[in-house]
Amino acid sequence: MGTFENLATLHVLFVDDDHLLRRAMAWYFEKKVSAFVALESAEEALGRLKTEIFDVVICDYSLPGMDGLRFFEMTEGSGAGFTRILITAFSTKTLEKETEKRKIILVRKPFDAKEIERVLAGA
């Protein structure tokens, strides 16, 4: 997990079942990063990670099917060295401890795209 001084070179994968949030984040980041891919499910994201390399993966905790924490568990050991950010509106002490233990950055909803940009830049 690191900070990125040059956001323009980043390949970012964003996973959230909220269509409007995916569109808003894509609109905000499309000119700030090299590639921004927004997907609806963790299952789609796992498939995409088999064929593409990303620097950052941002995933919602509450997804239909597989939750974001399980998604990140499934990517461990794959050799993928991306920064992991879990976004959630329902943070608990248990979730906070689990993300800290797994070196996953936790961002609470509601947030705005500038907050994610600050996280990526390490501010």
C-alpha atoms as a PDB file:
ATOM      1  CA  MET A   1       0.000   0.000   0.000  1.00  0.00           C
ATOM      2  CA  GLY A   2       1.543   3.262  -1.037  1.00  0.00           C
ATOM      3  CA  THR A   3       0.857   6.789  -2.086  1.00  0.00           C
ATOM      4  CA  PHE A   4       0.917   7.903  -5.664  1.00  0.00           C
ATOM      5  CA  GLU A   5       2.591  11.181  -6.539  1.00  0.00           C
ATOM      6  CA  ASN A   6       1.524  11.031 -10.170  1.00  0.00           C
ATOM      7  CA  LEU A   7      -2.152  10.117 -10.411  1.00  0.00           C
ATOM      8  CA  ALA A   8      -2.046  10.463 -14.205  1.00  0.00           C
ATOM      9  CA  THR A   9      -0.260   7.115 -14.549  1.00  0.00           C
ATOM     10  CA  LEU A  10      -2.702   5.096 -12.431  1.00  0.00           C
ATOM     11  CA  HIS A  11      -4.962   2.289 -13.580  1.00  0.00           C
ATOM     12  CA  VAL A  12      -7.940   2.243 -11.213  1.00  0.00           C
ATOM     13  CA  LEU A  13     -10.669  -0.377 -10.809  1.00  0.00           C
ATOM     14  CA  PHE A  14     -13.802   0.828  -9.004  1.00  0.00           C
ATOM     15  CA  VAL A  15     -16.443  -1.690  -7.880  1.00  0.00           C
ATOM     16  CA  ASP A  16     -19.840  -0.566  -6.586  1.00  0.00           C
ATOM     17  CA  ASP A  17     -23.397  -1.626  -7.353  1.00  0.00           C
ATOM     18  CA  ASP A  18     -24.590   2.010  -7.236  1.00  0.00           C
ATOM     19  CA  HIS A  19     -24.824   3.089 -10.875  1.00  0.00           C
ATOM     20  CA  LEU A  20     -24.847   6.820 -10.094  1.00  0.00           C
ATOM     21  CA  LEU A  21     -21.761   6.564  -7.884  1.00  0.00           C
ATOM     22  CA  ARG A  22     -19.918   4.597 -10.582  1.00  0.00           C
ATOM     23  CA  ARG A  23     -20.791   7.260 -13.167  1.00  0.00           C
ATOM     24  CA  ALA A  24     -19.819  10.139 -10.867  1.00  0.00           C
ATOM     25  CA  MET A  25     -16.467   8.578  -9.978  1.00  0.00           C
ATOM     26  CA  ALA A  26     -15.735   7.743 -13.630  1.00  0.00           C
ATOM     27  CA  TRP A  27     -16.573  11.303 -14.663  1.00  0.00           C
ATOM     28  CA  TYR A  28     -14.325  12.771 -11.959  1.00  0.00           C
ATOM     29  CA  PHE A  29     -11.340  10.499 -12.562  1.00  0.00           C
ATOM     30  CA  GLU A  30     -11.435  10.047 -16.354  1.00  0.00           C
ATOM     31  CA  LYS A  31      -8.977  12.904 -16.953  1.00  0.00           C
ATOM     32  CA  LYS A  32      -7.008  12.494 -13.723  1.00  0.00           C
ATOM     33  CA  VAL A  33      -5.838   8.880 -14.168  1.00  0.00           C
ATOM     34  CA  SER A  34      -4.595   6.798 -17.085  1.00  0.00           C
ATOM     35  CA  ALA A  35      -7.488   4.303 -16.903  1.00  0.00           C
ATOM     36  CA  PHE A  36     -10.605   4.127 -14.757  1.00  0.00           C
ATOM     37  CA  VAL A  37     -12.769   1.019 -14.994  1.00  0.00           C
ATOM     38  CA  ALA A  38     -16.071   0.961 -13.078  1.00  0.00           C
ATOM     39  CA  LEU A  39     -17.830  -2.370 -12.513  1.00  0.00           C
ATOM     40  CA  GLU A  40     -21.014  -3.415 -10.762  1.00  0.00           C
ATOM     41  CA  SER A  41     -19.968  -6.600  -8.960  1.00  0.00           C
ATOM     42  CA  ALA A  42     -17.048  -8.288  -7.247  1.00  0.00           C
ATOM     43  CA  GLU A  43     -17.460 -11.258  -9.563  1.00  0.00           C
ATOM     44  CA  GLU A  44     -17.012  -9.017 -12.619  1.00  0.00           C
ATOM     45  CA  ALA A  45     -13.956  -7.466 -10.985  1.00  0.00           C
ATOM     46  CA  LEU A  46     -12.349 -10.860 -10.322  1.00  0.00           C
ATOM     47  CA  GLY A  47     -12.721 -11.659 -14.014  1.00  0.00           C
ATOM     48  CA  ARG A  48     -11.215  -8.344 -15.026  1.00  0.00           C
ATOM     49  CA  LEU A  49      -8.256  -8.823 -12.683  1.00  0.00           C
ATOM     50  CA  LYS A  50      -7.373 -12.004 -14.589  1.00  0.00           C
ATOM     51  CA  THR A  51      -6.733 -10.013 -17.764  1.00  0.00           C
ATOM     52  CA  GLU A  52      -5.714  -6.519 -16.617  1.00  0.00           C
ATOM     53  CA  ILE A  53      -3.302  -4.992 -14.137  1.00  0.00           C
ATOM     54  CA  PHE A  54      -4.504  -2.231 -11.836  1.00  0.00           C
ATOM     55  CA  ASP A  55      -2.577  -0.022  -9.427  1.00  0.00           C
ATOM     56  CA  VAL A  56      -5.598   0.661  -7.228  1.00  0.00           C
ATOM     57  CA  VAL A  57      -8.792  -1.269  -6.575  1.00  0.00           C
ATOM     58  CA  ILE A  58     -11.625   0.527  -4.791  1.00  0.00           C
ATOM     59  CA  CYS A  59     -14.472  -1.763  -3.734  1.00  0.00           C
ATOM     60  CA  ASP A  60     -17.714  -1.245  -1.834  1.00  0.00           C
ATOM     61  CA  TYR A  61     -18.181  -3.465   1.201  1.00  0.00           C
ATOM     62  CA  SER A  62     -21.913  -4.058   0.663  1.00  0.00           C
ATOM     63  CA  LEU A  63     -22.370  -5.754  -2.678  1.00  0.00           C
ATOM     64  CA  PRO A  64     -24.902  -8.354  -3.770  1.00  0.00           C
ATOM     65  CA  GLY A  65     -23.300 -11.776  -3.897  1.00  0.00           C
ATOM     66  CA  MET A  66     -19.773 -11.334  -2.583  1.00  0.00           C
ATOM     67  CA  ASP A  67     -18.946  -8.495  -0.205  1.00  0.00           C
ATOM     68  CA  GLY A  68     -15.906  -6.300  -0.700  1.00  0.00           C
ATOM     69  CA  LEU A  69     -13.871  -7.831   2.101  1.00  0.00           C
ATOM     70  CA  ARG A  70     -14.359 -11.331   0.670  1.00  0.00           C
ATOM     71  CA  PHE A  71     -13.434  -9.962  -2.759  1.00  0.00           C
ATOM     72  CA  PHE A  72     -10.129  -8.635  -1.400  1.00  0.00           C
ATOM     73  CA  GLU A  73      -9.519 -11.958   0.383  1.00  0.00           C
ATOM     74  CA  MET A  74      -9.888 -13.741  -2.959  1.00  0.00           C
ATOM     75  CA  THR A  75      -7.264 -11.479  -4.537  1.00  0.00           C
ATOM     76  CA  GLU A  76      -4.675 -12.161  -1.821  1.00  0.00           C
ATOM     77  CA  GLY A  77      -1.947 -14.477  -2.997  1.00  0.00           C
ATOM     78  CA  SER A  78      -2.675 -13.747  -6.651  1.00  0.00           C
ATOM     79  CA  GLY A  79       0.484 -11.705  -6.930  1.00  0.00           C
ATOM     80  CA  ALA A  80      -1.526  -8.591  -7.701  1.00  0.00           C
ATOM     81  CA  GLY A  81       0.229  -5.732  -5.960  1.00  0.00           C
ATOM     82  CA  PHE A  82      -2.507  -3.117  -6.060  1.00  0.00           C
ATOM     83  CA  THR A  83      -3.508  -0.699  -3.339  1.00  0.00           C
ATOM     84  CA  ARG A  84      -6.822  -1.779  -1.825  1.00  0.00           C
ATOM     85  CA  ILE A  85      -9.493   0.657  -0.695  1.00  0.00           C
ATOM     86  CA  LEU A  86     -12.741  -0.534   0.866  1.00  0.00           C
ATOM     87  CA  ILE A  87     -15.632   1.924   0.913  1.00  0.00           C
ATOM     88  CA  THR A  88     -18.586   1.463   3.235  1.00  0.00           C
ATOM     89  CA  ALA A  89     -21.519   3.230   4.831  1.00  0.00           C
ATOM     90  CA  PHE A  90     -21.680   0.595   7.585  1.00  0.00           C
ATOM     91  CA  SER A  91     -18.355   0.590   9.390  1.00  0.00           C
ATOM     92  CA  THR A  92     -17.986  -1.453  12.567  1.00  0.00           C
ATOM     93  CA  LYS A  93     -15.079  -1.950  14.954  1.00  0.00           C
ATOM     94  CA  THR A  94     -14.716  -5.500  13.618  1.00  0.00           C
ATOM     95  CA  LEU A  95     -14.536  -4.265  10.022  1.00  0.00           C
ATOM     96  CA  GLU A  96     -12.060  -1.555  10.986  1.00  0.00           C
ATOM     97  CA  LYS A  97      -9.796  -4.119  12.696  1.00  0.00           C
ATOM     98  CA  GLU A  98     -10.059  -6.512   9.759  1.00  0.00           C
ATOM     99  CA  THR A  99      -9.132  -3.868   7.186  1.00  0.00           C
ATOM    100  CA  GLU A 100      -6.237  -2.677   9.319  1.00  0.00           C
ATOM    101  CA  LYS A 101      -4.955  -6.232   9.706  1.00  0.00           C
ATOM    102  CA  ARG A 102      -5.147  -6.814   5.937  1.00  0.00           C
ATOM    103  CA  LYS A 103      -3.630  -3.413   5.076  1.00  0.00           C
ATOM    104  CA  ILE A 104      -6.793  -2.256   3.323  1.00  0.00           C
ATOM    105  CA  ILE A 105      -7.590   1.456   3.405  1.00  0.00           C
ATOM    106  CA  LEU A 106     -11.094   2.068   4.781  1.00  0.00           C
ATOM    107  CA  VAL A 107     -13.090   5.059   3.520  1.00  0.00           C
ATOM    108  CA  ARG A 108     -16.505   5.754   4.972  1.00  0.00           C
ATOM    109  CA  LYS A 109     -19.493   6.822   2.899  1.00  0.00           C
ATOM    110  CA  PRO A 110     -20.586   9.394   2.172  1.00  0.00           C
ATOM    111  CA  PHE A 111     -17.382  10.605   0.560  1.00  0.00           C
ATOM    112  CA  ASP A 112     -16.611  12.666  -2.481  1.00  0.00           C
ATOM    113  CA  ALA A 113     -14.176  11.930  -5.285  1.00  0.00           C
ATOM    114  CA  LYS A 114     -11.726  14.509  -3.943  1.00  0.00           C
ATOM    115  CA  GLU A 115     -11.449  12.508  -0.724  1.00  0.00           C
ATOM    116  CA  ILE A 116     -10.472   9.409  -2.715  1.00  0.00           C
ATOM    117  CA  GLU A 117      -7.984  11.535  -4.660  1.00  0.00           C
ATOM    118  CA  ARG A 118      -6.462  12.707  -1.366  1.00  0.00           C
ATOM    119  CA  VAL A 119      -6.204   9.096  -0.167  1.00  0.00           C
ATOM    120  CA  LEU A 120      -4.409   8.141  -3.365  1.00  0.00           C
ATOM    121  CA  ALA A 121      -2.049  11.096  -3.074  1.00  0.00           C
ATOM    122  CA  GLY A 122      -1.383  10.294   0.589  1.00  0.00           C
ATOM    123  CA  ALA A 123      -2.691  13.609   1.882  1.00  0.00           C
END
